[in-house]
Amino acid sequence: MAVVHLNGEHITDWPSFHSACKTAFGFPDFYGDNMDAWVDCMSYLRDEDGMTKFRLKPAEKLQIIVDHADILQKKAPDILEDVAFCIEAINERYADYGENPALELKLA
């Protein structure tokens, strides 16, 4: 399983979330710094499109660990809520194409 860490201590708002994600996931330079762009990038984890630095195998998942999630929850609860919602939607999209879920969220 591929793993990526996001540090909830350093994420204080949407701009800092997108900055952290761009670095952690290796999003392209044209990444739009919004959740639509985040979903687009995370929807191509098994393709060769270069939307992230990860290329998952058919049964592999990318585990997203949010360290210090309790701190992030206090500072910006909407971020964790939206990320969880988007991960669920992305996994449903993979299922619609007959693929295994690609993402797993872990709060630490």
PDB file of N, CA and C in Angstrom:
ATOM      1  N   MET A   1       0.849  -1.180   0.000  1.00  0.00           N
ATOM      2  CA  MET A   1       0.000   0.000   0.000  1.00  0.00           C
ATOM      3  C   MET A   1       0.891   1.238   0.000  1.00  0.00           C
ATOM      4  N   ALA A   2       0.601   2.139  -0.902  1.00  0.00           N
ATOM      5  CA  ALA A   2       1.289   3.421  -0.928  1.00  0.00           C
ATOM      6  C   ALA A   2       0.724   4.286   0.198  1.00  0.00           C
ATOM      7  N   VAL A   3       1.579   5.108   0.773  1.00  0.00           N
ATOM      8  CA  VAL A   3       1.175   5.938   1.915  1.00  0.00           C
ATOM      9  C   VAL A   3       1.657   7.367   1.696  1.00  0.00           C
ATOM     10  N   VAL A   4       0.811   8.311   2.049  1.00  0.00           N
ATOM     11  CA  VAL A   4       1.192   9.721   2.039  1.00  0.00           C
ATOM     12  C   VAL A   4       0.699  10.339   3.345  1.00  0.00           C
ATOM     13  N   HIS A   5       1.504  11.235   3.901  1.00  0.00           N
ATOM     14  CA  HIS A   5       1.157  11.911   5.157  1.00  0.00           C
ATOM     15  C   HIS A   5       0.873  13.387   4.893  1.00  0.00           C
ATOM     16  N   LEU A   6      -0.180  13.871   5.513  1.00  0.00           N
ATOM     17  CA  LEU A   6      -0.464  15.300   5.566  1.00  0.00           C
ATOM     18  C   LEU A   6      -0.407  15.702   7.031  1.00  0.00           C
ATOM     19  N   ASN A   7       0.273  16.791   7.326  1.00  0.00           N
ATOM     20  CA  ASN A   7       0.435  17.226   8.708  1.00  0.00           C
ATOM     21  C   ASN A   7      -0.656  18.235   9.068  1.00  0.00           C
ATOM     22  N   GLY A   8      -1.610  17.777   9.869  1.00  0.00           N
ATOM     23  CA  GLY A   8      -2.722  18.625  10.273  1.00  0.00           C
ATOM     24  C   GLY A   8      -2.318  19.848  11.076  1.00  0.00           C
ATOM     25  N   GLU A   9      -1.132  19.819  11.681  1.00  0.00           N
ATOM     26  CA  GLU A   9      -0.645  20.996  12.419  1.00  0.00           C
ATOM     27  C   GLU A   9      -0.353  22.157  11.480  1.00  0.00           C
ATOM     28  N   HIS A  10       0.046  21.838  10.247  1.00  0.00           N
ATOM     29  CA  HIS A  10       0.462  22.880   9.308  1.00  0.00           C
ATOM     30  C   HIS A  10      -0.641  23.320   8.359  1.00  0.00           C
ATOM     31  N   ILE A  11      -1.764  22.635   8.405  1.00  0.00           N
ATOM     32  CA  ILE A  11      -2.887  22.996   7.543  1.00  0.00           C
ATOM     33  C   ILE A  11      -3.855  23.841   8.371  1.00  0.00           C
ATOM     34  N   THR A  12      -4.015  25.083   7.968  1.00  0.00           N
ATOM     35  CA  THR A  12      -4.850  26.012   8.730  1.00  0.00           C
ATOM     36  C   THR A  12      -6.066  26.497   7.947  1.00  0.00           C
ATOM     37  N   ASP A  13      -6.016  26.322   6.620  1.00  0.00           N
ATOM     38  CA  ASP A  13      -7.078  26.821   5.749  1.00  0.00           C
ATOM     39  C   ASP A  13      -6.959  26.117   4.401  1.00  0.00           C
ATOM     40  N   TRP A  14      -7.838  26.470   3.471  1.00  0.00           N
ATOM     41  CA  TRP A  14      -7.817  25.816   2.163  1.00  0.00           C
ATOM     42  C   TRP A  14      -6.518  26.047   1.396  1.00  0.00           C
ATOM     43  N   PRO A  15      -5.974  27.269   1.350  1.00  0.00           N
ATOM     44  CA  PRO A  15      -4.706  27.438   0.627  1.00  0.00           C
ATOM     45  C   PRO A  15      -3.573  26.566   1.183  1.00  0.00           C
ATOM     46  N   SER A  16      -3.472  26.454   2.507  1.00  0.00           N
ATOM     47  CA  SER A  16      -2.405  25.619   3.070  1.00  0.00           C
ATOM     48  C   SER A  16      -2.680  24.137   2.825  1.00  0.00           C
ATOM     49  N   PHE A  17      -3.946  23.732   2.783  1.00  0.00           N
ATOM     50  CA  PHE A  17      -4.291  22.348   2.448  1.00  0.00           C
ATOM     51  C   PHE A  17      -3.842  22.025   1.028  1.00  0.00           C
ATOM     52  N   HIS A  18      -4.186  22.877   0.089  1.00  0.00           N
ATOM     53  CA  HIS A  18      -3.836  22.602  -1.307  1.00  0.00           C
ATOM     54  C   HIS A  18      -2.328  22.664  -1.531  1.00  0.00           C
ATOM     55  N   SER A  19      -1.653  23.545  -0.840  1.00  0.00           N
ATOM     56  CA  SER A  19      -0.192  23.597  -0.930  1.00  0.00           C
ATOM     57  C   SER A  19       0.429  22.300  -0.415  1.00  0.00           C
ATOM     58  N   ALA A  20      -0.052  21.821   0.727  1.00  0.00           N
ATOM     59  CA  ALA A  20       0.459  20.567   1.296  1.00  0.00           C
ATOM     60  C   ALA A  20       0.177  19.393   0.367  1.00  0.00           C
ATOM     61  N   CYS A  21      -0.999  19.371  -0.223  1.00  0.00           N
ATOM     62  CA  CYS A  21      -1.362  18.275  -1.131  1.00  0.00           C
ATOM     63  C   CYS A  21      -0.527  18.305  -2.402  1.00  0.00           C
ATOM     64  N   LYS A  22      -0.303  19.485  -2.931  1.00  0.00           N
ATOM     65  CA  LYS A  22       0.503  19.594  -4.156  1.00  0.00           C
ATOM     66  C   LYS A  22       1.879  18.988  -3.935  1.00  0.00           C
ATOM     67  N   THR A  23       2.462  19.257  -2.782  1.00  0.00           N
ATOM     68  CA  THR A  23       3.776  18.706  -2.451  1.00  0.00           C
ATOM     69  C   THR A  23       3.694  17.212  -2.161  1.00  0.00           C
ATOM     70  N   ALA A  24       2.769  16.813  -1.312  1.00  0.00           N
ATOM     71  CA  ALA A  24       2.687  15.416  -0.869  1.00  0.00           C
ATOM     72  C   ALA A  24       2.314  14.456  -1.995  1.00  0.00           C
ATOM     73  N   PHE A  25       1.398  14.864  -2.854  1.00  0.00           N
ATOM     74  CA  PHE A  25       0.919  13.987  -3.920  1.00  0.00           C
ATOM     75  C   PHE A  25       1.657  14.182  -5.240  1.00  0.00           C
ATOM     76  N   GLY A  26       2.418  15.260  -5.338  1.00  0.00           N
ATOM     77  CA  GLY A  26       3.122  15.527  -6.586  1.00  0.00           C
ATOM     78  C   GLY A  26       2.191  15.981  -7.697  1.00  0.00           C
ATOM     79  N   PHE A  27       1.210  16.805  -7.346  1.00  0.00           N
ATOM     80  CA  PHE A  27       0.285  17.312  -8.355  1.00  0.00           C
ATOM     81  C   PHE A  27       1.047  18.157  -9.377  1.00  0.00           C
ATOM     82  N   PRO A  28       0.535  18.246 -10.598  1.00  0.00           N
ATOM     83  CA  PRO A  28       1.227  19.019 -11.640  1.00  0.00           C
ATOM     84  C   PRO A  28       1.200  20.522 -11.355  1.00  0.00           C
ATOM     85  N   ASP A  29       2.067  21.240 -12.040  1.00  0.00           N
ATOM     86  CA  ASP A  29       2.170  22.689 -11.841  1.00  0.00           C
ATOM     87  C   ASP A  29       0.856  23.412 -12.130  1.00  0.00           C
ATOM     88  N   PHE A  30       0.053  22.869 -13.020  1.00  0.00           N
ATOM     89  CA  PHE A  30      -1.210  23.525 -13.376  1.00  0.00           C
ATOM     90  C   PHE A  30      -2.352  23.185 -12.419  1.00  0.00           C
ATOM     91  N   TYR A  31      -2.043  22.487 -11.315  1.00  0.00           N
ATOM     92  CA  TYR A  31      -3.057  22.144 -10.313  1.00  0.00           C
ATOM     93  C   TYR A  31      -3.805  23.400  -9.883  1.00  0.00           C
ATOM     94  N   GLY A  32      -5.136  23.308  -9.846  1.00  0.00           N
ATOM     95  CA  GLY A  32      -5.981  24.482  -9.652  1.00  0.00           C
ATOM     96  C   GLY A  32      -6.256  24.935  -8.234  1.00  0.00           C
ATOM     97  N   ASP A  33      -5.662  24.283  -7.225  1.00  0.00           N
ATOM     98  CA  ASP A  33      -5.853  24.701  -5.833  1.00  0.00           C
ATOM     99  C   ASP A  33      -7.323  24.785  -5.420  1.00  0.00           C
ATOM    100  N   ASN A  34      -8.104  23.792  -5.821  1.00  0.00           N
ATOM    101  CA  ASN A  34      -9.495  23.689  -5.392  1.00  0.00           C
ATOM    102  C   ASN A  34      -9.875  22.212  -5.361  1.00  0.00           C
ATOM    103  N   MET A  35     -11.001  21.889  -4.767  1.00  0.00           N
ATOM    104  CA  MET A  35     -11.368  20.479  -4.594  1.00  0.00           C
ATOM    105  C   MET A  35     -11.757  19.809  -5.908  1.00  0.00           C
ATOM    106  N   ASP A  36     -12.233  20.560  -6.875  1.00  0.00           N
ATOM    107  CA  ASP A  36     -12.494  19.953  -8.185  1.00  0.00           C
ATOM    108  C   ASP A  36     -11.187  19.458  -8.797  1.00  0.00           C
ATOM    109  N   ALA A  37     -10.146  20.268  -8.701  1.00  0.00           N
ATOM    110  CA  ALA A  37      -8.834  19.869  -9.219  1.00  0.00           C
ATOM    111  C   ALA A  37      -8.268  18.705  -8.410  1.00  0.00           C
ATOM    112  N   TRP A  38      -8.477  18.715  -7.091  1.00  0.00           N
ATOM    113  CA  TRP A  38      -8.008  17.626  -6.223  1.00  0.00           C
ATOM    114  C   TRP A  38      -8.643  16.311  -6.653  1.00  0.00           C
ATOM    115  N   VAL A  39      -9.962  16.335  -6.854  1.00  0.00           N
ATOM    116  CA  VAL A  39     -10.677  15.133  -7.287  1.00  0.00           C
ATOM    117  C   VAL A  39     -10.174  14.681  -8.655  1.00  0.00           C
ATOM    118  N   ASP A  40      -9.973  15.612  -9.563  1.00  0.00           N
ATOM    119  CA  ASP A  40      -9.459  15.248 -10.888  1.00  0.00           C
ATOM    120  C   ASP A  40      -8.121  14.537 -10.780  1.00  0.00           C
ATOM    121  N   CYS A  41      -7.201  15.093 -10.025  1.00  0.00           N
ATOM    122  CA  CYS A  41      -5.873  14.484  -9.881  1.00  0.00           C
ATOM    123  C   CYS A  41      -5.955  13.112  -9.222  1.00  0.00           C
ATOM    124  N   MET A  42      -6.768  12.985  -8.199  1.00  0.00           N
ATOM    125  CA  MET A  42      -6.851  11.734  -7.447  1.00  0.00           C
ATOM    126  C   MET A  42      -7.657  10.662  -8.178  1.00  0.00           C
ATOM    127  N   SER A  43      -8.302  11.037  -9.257  1.00  0.00           N
ATOM    128  CA  SER A  43      -9.083  10.076 -10.036  1.00  0.00           C
ATOM    129  C   SER A  43      -8.237   9.335 -11.068  1.00  0.00           C
ATOM    130  N   TYR A  44      -6.960   9.666 -11.160  1.00  0.00           N
ATOM    131  CA  TYR A  44      -6.089   9.054 -12.166  1.00  0.00           C
ATOM    132  C   TYR A  44      -4.893   8.362 -11.534  1.00  0.00           C
ATOM    133  N   LEU A  45      -5.093   7.754 -10.385  1.00  0.00           N
ATOM    134  CA  LEU A  45      -3.993   7.117  -9.658  1.00  0.00           C
ATOM    135  C   LEU A  45      -3.493   5.839 -10.319  1.00  0.00           C
ATOM    136  N   ARG A  46      -4.275   5.271 -11.203  1.00  0.00           N
ATOM    137  CA  ARG A  46      -3.860   4.029 -11.877  1.00  0.00           C
ATOM    138  C   ARG A  46      -3.519   4.268 -13.345  1.00  0.00           C
ATOM    139  N   ASP A  47      -3.533   5.486 -13.775  1.00  0.00           N
ATOM    140  CA  ASP A  47      -3.239   5.828 -15.163  1.00  0.00           C
ATOM    141  C   ASP A  47      -1.846   6.437 -15.274  1.00  0.00           C
ATOM    142  N   GLU A  48      -1.388   6.567 -16.491  1.00  0.00           N
ATOM    143  CA  GLU A  48      -0.066   7.142 -16.740  1.00  0.00           C
ATOM    144  C   GLU A  48      -0.150   8.630 -17.058  1.00  0.00           C
ATOM    145  N   ASP A  49      -1.175   9.285 -16.585  1.00  0.00           N
ATOM    146  CA  ASP A  49      -1.392  10.689 -16.921  1.00  0.00           C
ATOM    147  C   ASP A  49      -0.475  11.659 -16.184  1.00  0.00           C
ATOM    148  N   GLY A  50       0.213  11.197 -15.158  1.00  0.00           N
ATOM    149  CA  GLY A  50       1.121  12.065 -14.423  1.00  0.00           C
ATOM    150  C   GLY A  50       0.421  13.092 -13.559  1.00  0.00           C
ATOM    151  N   MET A  51      -0.795  12.788 -13.113  1.00  0.00           N
ATOM    152  CA  MET A  51      -1.532  13.740 -12.283  1.00  0.00           C
ATOM    153  C   MET A  51      -1.066  13.719 -10.830  1.00  0.00           C
ATOM    154  N   THR A  52      -0.364  12.650 -10.441  1.00  0.00           N
ATOM    155  CA  THR A  52       0.266  12.556  -9.125  1.00  0.00           C
ATOM    156  C   THR A  52       1.589  11.822  -9.305  1.00  0.00           C
ATOM    157  N   LYS A  53       2.370  11.769  -8.243  1.00  0.00           N
ATOM    158  CA  LYS A  53       3.619  11.003  -8.302  1.00  0.00           C
ATOM    159  C   LYS A  53       3.379   9.518  -8.045  1.00  0.00           C
ATOM    160  N   PHE A  54       2.134   9.140  -7.796  1.00  0.00           N
ATOM    161  CA  PHE A  54       1.787   7.748  -7.520  1.00  0.00           C
ATOM    162  C   PHE A  54       1.189   7.094  -8.760  1.00  0.00           C
ATOM    163  N   ARG A  55       1.515   5.836  -8.942  1.00  0.00           N
ATOM    164  CA  ARG A  55       0.866   5.004  -9.968  1.00  0.00           C
ATOM    165  C   ARG A  55       0.540   3.684  -9.304  1.00  0.00           C
ATOM    166  N   LEU A  56      -0.717   3.514  -8.963  1.00  0.00           N
ATOM    167  CA  LEU A  56      -1.151   2.348  -8.210  1.00  0.00           C
ATOM    168  C   LEU A  56      -1.394   1.148  -9.114  1.00  0.00           C
ATOM    169  N   LYS A  57      -1.139  -0.025  -8.558  1.00  0.00           N
ATOM    170  CA  LYS A  57      -1.477  -1.278  -9.226  1.00  0.00           C
ATOM    171  C   LYS A  57      -2.984  -1.494  -9.086  1.00  0.00           C
ATOM    172  N   PRO A  58      -3.560  -2.409  -9.865  1.00  0.00           N
ATOM    173  CA  PRO A  58      -5.022  -2.582  -9.864  1.00  0.00           C
ATOM    174  C   PRO A  58      -5.666  -2.807  -8.492  1.00  0.00           C
ATOM    175  N   ALA A  59      -5.020  -3.531  -7.599  1.00  0.00           N
ATOM    176  CA  ALA A  59      -5.622  -3.803  -6.286  1.00  0.00           C
ATOM    177  C   ALA A  59      -5.029  -2.938  -5.175  1.00  0.00           C
ATOM    178  N   GLU A  60      -4.133  -2.041  -5.524  1.00  0.00           N
ATOM    179  CA  GLU A  60      -3.427  -1.230  -4.527  1.00  0.00           C
ATOM    180  C   GLU A  60      -4.249   0.004  -4.146  1.00  0.00           C
ATOM    181  N   LYS A  61      -4.067   0.437  -2.901  1.00  0.00           N
ATOM    182  CA  LYS A  61      -4.687   1.665  -2.402  1.00  0.00           C
ATOM    183  C   LYS A  61      -3.603   2.664  -2.014  1.00  0.00           C
ATOM    184  N   LEU A  62      -3.972   3.912  -2.054  1.00  0.00           N
ATOM    185  CA  LEU A  62      -3.150   4.979  -1.501  1.00  0.00           C
ATOM    186  C   LEU A  62      -3.778   5.365  -0.173  1.00  0.00           C
ATOM    187  N   GLN A  63      -3.032   5.162   0.904  1.00  0.00           N
ATOM    188  CA  GLN A  63      -3.522   5.528   2.232  1.00  0.00           C
ATOM    189  C   GLN A  63      -3.085   6.961   2.521  1.00  0.00           C
ATOM    190  N   ILE A  64      -4.050   7.805   2.793  1.00  0.00           N
ATOM    191  CA  ILE A  64      -3.787   9.197   3.149  1.00  0.00           C
ATOM    192  C   ILE A  64      -3.908   9.292   4.659  1.00  0.00           C
ATOM    193  N   ILE A  65      -2.787   9.541   5.311  1.00  0.00           N
ATOM    194  CA  ILE A  65      -2.770   9.666   6.766  1.00  0.00           C
ATOM    195  C   ILE A  65      -2.694  11.148   7.114  1.00  0.00           C
ATOM    196  N   VAL A  66      -3.679  11.616   7.835  1.00  0.00           N
ATOM    197  CA  VAL A  66      -3.663  12.999   8.313  1.00  0.00           C
ATOM    198  C   VAL A  66      -3.163  12.961   9.746  1.00  0.00           C
ATOM    199  N   ASP A  67      -1.894  13.294   9.910  1.00  0.00           N
ATOM    200  CA  ASP A  67      -1.307  13.362  11.246  1.00  0.00           C
ATOM    201  C   ASP A  67      -1.840  14.609  11.954  1.00  0.00           C
ATOM    202  N   HIS A  68      -2.014  14.507  13.252  1.00  0.00           N
ATOM    203  CA  HIS A  68      -2.555  15.620  14.053  1.00  0.00           C
ATOM    204  C   HIS A  68      -3.923  16.057  13.524  1.00  0.00           C
ATOM    205  N   ALA A  69      -4.717  15.074  13.141  1.00  0.00           N
ATOM    206  CA  ALA A  69      -6.051  15.358  12.600  1.00  0.00           C
ATOM    207  C   ALA A  69      -6.922  16.096  13.610  1.00  0.00           C
ATOM    208  N   ASP A  70      -6.687  15.853  14.892  1.00  0.00           N
ATOM    209  CA  ASP A  70      -7.475  16.537  15.921  1.00  0.00           C
ATOM    210  C   ASP A  70      -7.247  18.042  15.882  1.00  0.00           C
ATOM    211  N   ILE A  71      -6.021  18.437  15.609  1.00  0.00           N
ATOM    212  CA  ILE A  71      -5.704  19.870  15.518  1.00  0.00           C
ATOM    213  C   ILE A  71      -6.364  20.474  14.284  1.00  0.00           C
ATOM    214  N   LEU A  72      -6.255  19.766  13.160  1.00  0.00           N
ATOM    215  CA  LEU A  72      -6.900  20.243  11.936  1.00  0.00           C
ATOM    216  C   LEU A  72      -8.412  20.330  12.125  1.00  0.00           C
ATOM    217  N   GLN A  73      -8.980  19.359  12.795  1.00  0.00           N
ATOM    218  CA  GLN A  73     -10.428  19.346  13.030  1.00  0.00           C
ATOM    219  C   GLN A  73     -10.874  20.588  13.802  1.00  0.00           C
ATOM    220  N   LYS A  74     -10.049  21.037  14.738  1.00  0.00           N
ATOM    221  CA  LYS A  74     -10.384  22.237  15.519  1.00  0.00           C
ATOM    222  C   LYS A  74     -10.226  23.509  14.691  1.00  0.00           C
ATOM    223  N   LYS A  75      -9.177  23.546  13.847  1.00  0.00           N
ATOM    224  CA  LYS A  75      -8.882  24.751  13.072  1.00  0.00           C
ATOM    225  C   LYS A  75      -9.763  24.903  11.840  1.00  0.00           C
ATOM    226  N   ALA A  76      -9.996  23.777  11.165  1.00  0.00           N
ATOM    227  CA  ALA A  76     -10.709  23.836   9.885  1.00  0.00           C
ATOM    228  C   ALA A  76     -11.487  22.538   9.653  1.00  0.00           C
ATOM    229  N   PRO A  77     -12.560  22.338  10.406  1.00  0.00           N
ATOM    230  CA  PRO A  77     -13.293  21.067  10.320  1.00  0.00           C
ATOM    231  C   PRO A  77     -13.871  20.776   8.935  1.00  0.00           C
ATOM    232  N   ASP A  78     -14.163  21.821   8.183  1.00  0.00           N
ATOM    233  CA  ASP A  78     -14.730  21.605   6.854  1.00  0.00           C
ATOM    234  C   ASP A  78     -13.755  20.913   5.910  1.00  0.00           C
ATOM    235  N   ILE A  79     -12.463  21.075   6.140  1.00  0.00           N
ATOM    236  CA  ILE A  79     -11.474  20.445   5.268  1.00  0.00           C
ATOM    237  C   ILE A  79     -11.545  18.929   5.398  1.00  0.00           C
ATOM    238  N   LEU A  80     -11.506  18.421   6.621  1.00  0.00           N
ATOM    239  CA  LEU A  80     -11.574  16.965   6.805  1.00  0.00           C
ATOM    240  C   LEU A  80     -12.893  16.403   6.286  1.00  0.00           C
ATOM    241  N   GLU A  81     -13.963  17.117   6.512  1.00  0.00           N
ATOM    242  CA  GLU A  81     -15.274  16.663   6.040  1.00  0.00           C
ATOM    243  C   GLU A  81     -15.300  16.575   4.516  1.00  0.00           C
ATOM    244  N   ASP A  82     -14.794  17.600   3.848  1.00  0.00           N
ATOM    245  CA  ASP A  82     -14.782  17.607   2.384  1.00  0.00           C
ATOM    246  C   ASP A  82     -13.850  16.539   1.821  1.00  0.00           C
ATOM    247  N   VAL A  83     -12.697  16.349   2.445  1.00  0.00           N
ATOM    248  CA  VAL A  83     -11.757  15.328   1.975  1.00  0.00           C
ATOM    249  C   VAL A  83     -12.393  13.943   2.082  1.00  0.00           C
ATOM    250  N   ALA A  84     -13.022  13.648   3.201  1.00  0.00           N
ATOM    251  CA  ALA A  84     -13.678  12.348   3.376  1.00  0.00           C
ATOM    252  C   ALA A  84     -14.778  12.155   2.328  1.00  0.00           C
ATOM    253  N   PHE A  85     -15.556  13.185   2.086  1.00  0.00           N
ATOM    254  CA  PHE A  85     -16.618  13.118   1.083  1.00  0.00           C
ATOM    255  C   PHE A  85     -16.040  12.864  -0.305  1.00  0.00           C
ATOM    256  N   CYS A  86     -14.974  13.574  -0.644  1.00  0.00           N
ATOM    257  CA  CYS A  86     -14.362  13.430  -1.965  1.00  0.00           C
ATOM    258  C   CYS A  86     -13.723  12.056  -2.143  1.00  0.00           C
ATOM    259  N   ILE A  87     -13.095  11.543  -1.102  1.00  0.00           N
ATOM    260  CA  ILE A  87     -12.507  10.202  -1.183  1.00  0.00           C
ATOM    261  C   ILE A  87     -13.595   9.169  -1.449  1.00  0.00           C
ATOM    262  N   GLU A  88     -14.710   9.297  -0.769  1.00  0.00           N
ATOM    263  CA  GLU A  88     -15.824   8.372  -0.993  1.00  0.00           C
ATOM    264  C   GLU A  88     -16.318   8.460  -2.439  1.00  0.00           C
ATOM    265  N   ALA A  89     -16.441   9.670  -2.954  1.00  0.00           N
ATOM    266  CA  ALA A  89     -16.909   9.861  -4.328  1.00  0.00           C
ATOM    267  C   ALA A  89     -15.906   9.299  -5.338  1.00  0.00           C
ATOM    268  N   ILE A  90     -14.628   9.512  -5.081  1.00  0.00           N
ATOM    269  CA  ILE A  90     -13.594   8.988  -5.983  1.00  0.00           C
ATOM    270  C   ILE A  90     -13.623   7.464  -5.990  1.00  0.00           C
ATOM    271  N   ASN A  91     -13.727   6.864  -4.816  1.00  0.00           N
ATOM    272  CA  ASN A  91     -13.787   5.399  -4.745  1.00  0.00           C
ATOM    273  C   ASN A  91     -15.028   4.860  -5.455  1.00  0.00           C
ATOM    274  N   GLU A  92     -16.133   5.580  -5.364  1.00  0.00           N
ATOM    275  CA  GLU A  92     -17.343   5.178  -6.095  1.00  0.00           C
ATOM    276  C   GLU A  92     -17.109   5.258  -7.601  1.00  0.00           C
ATOM    277  N   ARG A  93     -16.372   6.270  -8.026  1.00  0.00           N
ATOM    278  CA  ARG A  93     -16.052   6.406  -9.451  1.00  0.00           C
ATOM    279  C   ARG A  93     -15.220   5.218  -9.920  1.00  0.00           C
ATOM    280  N   TYR A  94     -14.229   4.840  -9.120  1.00  0.00           N
ATOM    281  CA  TYR A  94     -13.434   3.658  -9.472  1.00  0.00           C
ATOM    282  C   TYR A  94     -14.332   2.428  -9.562  1.00  0.00           C
ATOM    283  N   ALA A  95     -15.241   2.262  -8.614  1.00  0.00           N
ATOM    284  CA  ALA A  95     -16.150   1.107  -8.615  1.00  0.00           C
ATOM    285  C   ALA A  95     -17.038   1.109  -9.858  1.00  0.00           C
ATOM    286  N   ASP A  96     -17.476   2.294 -10.276  1.00  0.00           N
ATOM    287  CA  ASP A  96     -18.301   2.397 -11.481  1.00  0.00           C
ATOM    288  C   ASP A  96     -17.575   1.860 -12.712  1.00  0.00           C
ATOM    289  N   TYR A  97     -16.252   1.958 -12.705  1.00  0.00           N
ATOM    290  CA  TYR A  97     -15.438   1.453 -13.816  1.00  0.00           C
ATOM    291  C   TYR A  97     -14.963   0.024 -13.574  1.00  0.00           C
ATOM    292  N   GLY A  98     -15.513  -0.618 -12.530  1.00  0.00           N
ATOM    293  CA  GLY A  98     -15.157  -1.999 -12.239  1.00  0.00           C
ATOM    294  C   GLY A  98     -13.808  -2.165 -11.576  1.00  0.00           C
ATOM    295  N   GLU A  99     -13.291  -1.088 -10.995  1.00  0.00           N
ATOM    296  CA  GLU A  99     -11.990  -1.124 -10.337  1.00  0.00           C
ATOM    297  C   GLU A  99     -12.158  -1.132  -8.823  1.00  0.00           C
ATOM    298  N   ASN A 100     -11.102  -1.545  -8.141  1.00  0.00           N
ATOM    299  CA  ASN A 100     -11.082  -1.522  -6.679  1.00  0.00           C
ATOM    300  C   ASN A 100     -10.956  -0.087  -6.187  1.00  0.00           C
ATOM    301  N   PRO A 101     -11.421   0.192  -4.962  1.00  0.00           N
ATOM    302  CA  PRO A 101     -11.210   1.519  -4.377  1.00  0.00           C
ATOM    303  C   PRO A 101      -9.720   1.849  -4.364  1.00  0.00           C
ATOM    304  N   ALA A 102      -9.401   3.105  -4.563  1.00  0.00           N
ATOM    305  CA  ALA A 102      -8.002   3.516  -4.662  1.00  0.00           C
ATOM    306  C   ALA A 102      -7.521   4.308  -3.456  1.00  0.00           C
ATOM    307  N   LEU A 103      -8.430   4.804  -2.641  1.00  0.00           N
ATOM    308  CA  LEU A 103      -8.046   5.697  -1.550  1.00  0.00           C
ATOM    309  C   LEU A 103      -8.573   5.211  -0.207  1.00  0.00           C
ATOM    310  N   GLU A 104      -7.775   5.475   0.808  1.00  0.00           N
ATOM    311  CA  GLU A 104      -8.168   5.176   2.186  1.00  0.00           C
ATOM    312  C   GLU A 104      -7.707   6.336   3.055  1.00  0.00           C
ATOM    313  N   LEU A 105      -8.592   6.869   3.867  1.00  0.00           N
ATOM    314  CA  LEU A 105      -8.272   7.982   4.758  1.00  0.00           C
ATOM    315  C   LEU A 105      -8.078   7.465   6.169  1.00  0.00           C
ATOM    316  N   LYS A 106      -6.982   7.869   6.777  1.00  0.00           N
ATOM    317  CA  LYS A 106      -6.708   7.504   8.172  1.00  0.00           C
ATOM    318  C   LYS A 106      -6.394   8.782   8.940  1.00  0.00           C
ATOM    319  N   LEU A 107      -7.114   9.003  10.024  1.00  0.00           N
ATOM    320  CA  LEU A 107      -6.872  10.162  10.879  1.00  0.00           C
ATOM    321  C   LEU A 107      -6.018   9.719  12.048  1.00  0.00           C
ATOM    322  N   ALA A 108      -4.902  10.395  12.235  1.00  0.00           N
ATOM    323  CA  ALA A 108      -3.955   9.996  13.285  1.00  0.00           C
ATOM    324  C   ALA A 108      -3.679  11.161  14.214  1.00  0.00           C
TER     325      ALA A 108
END
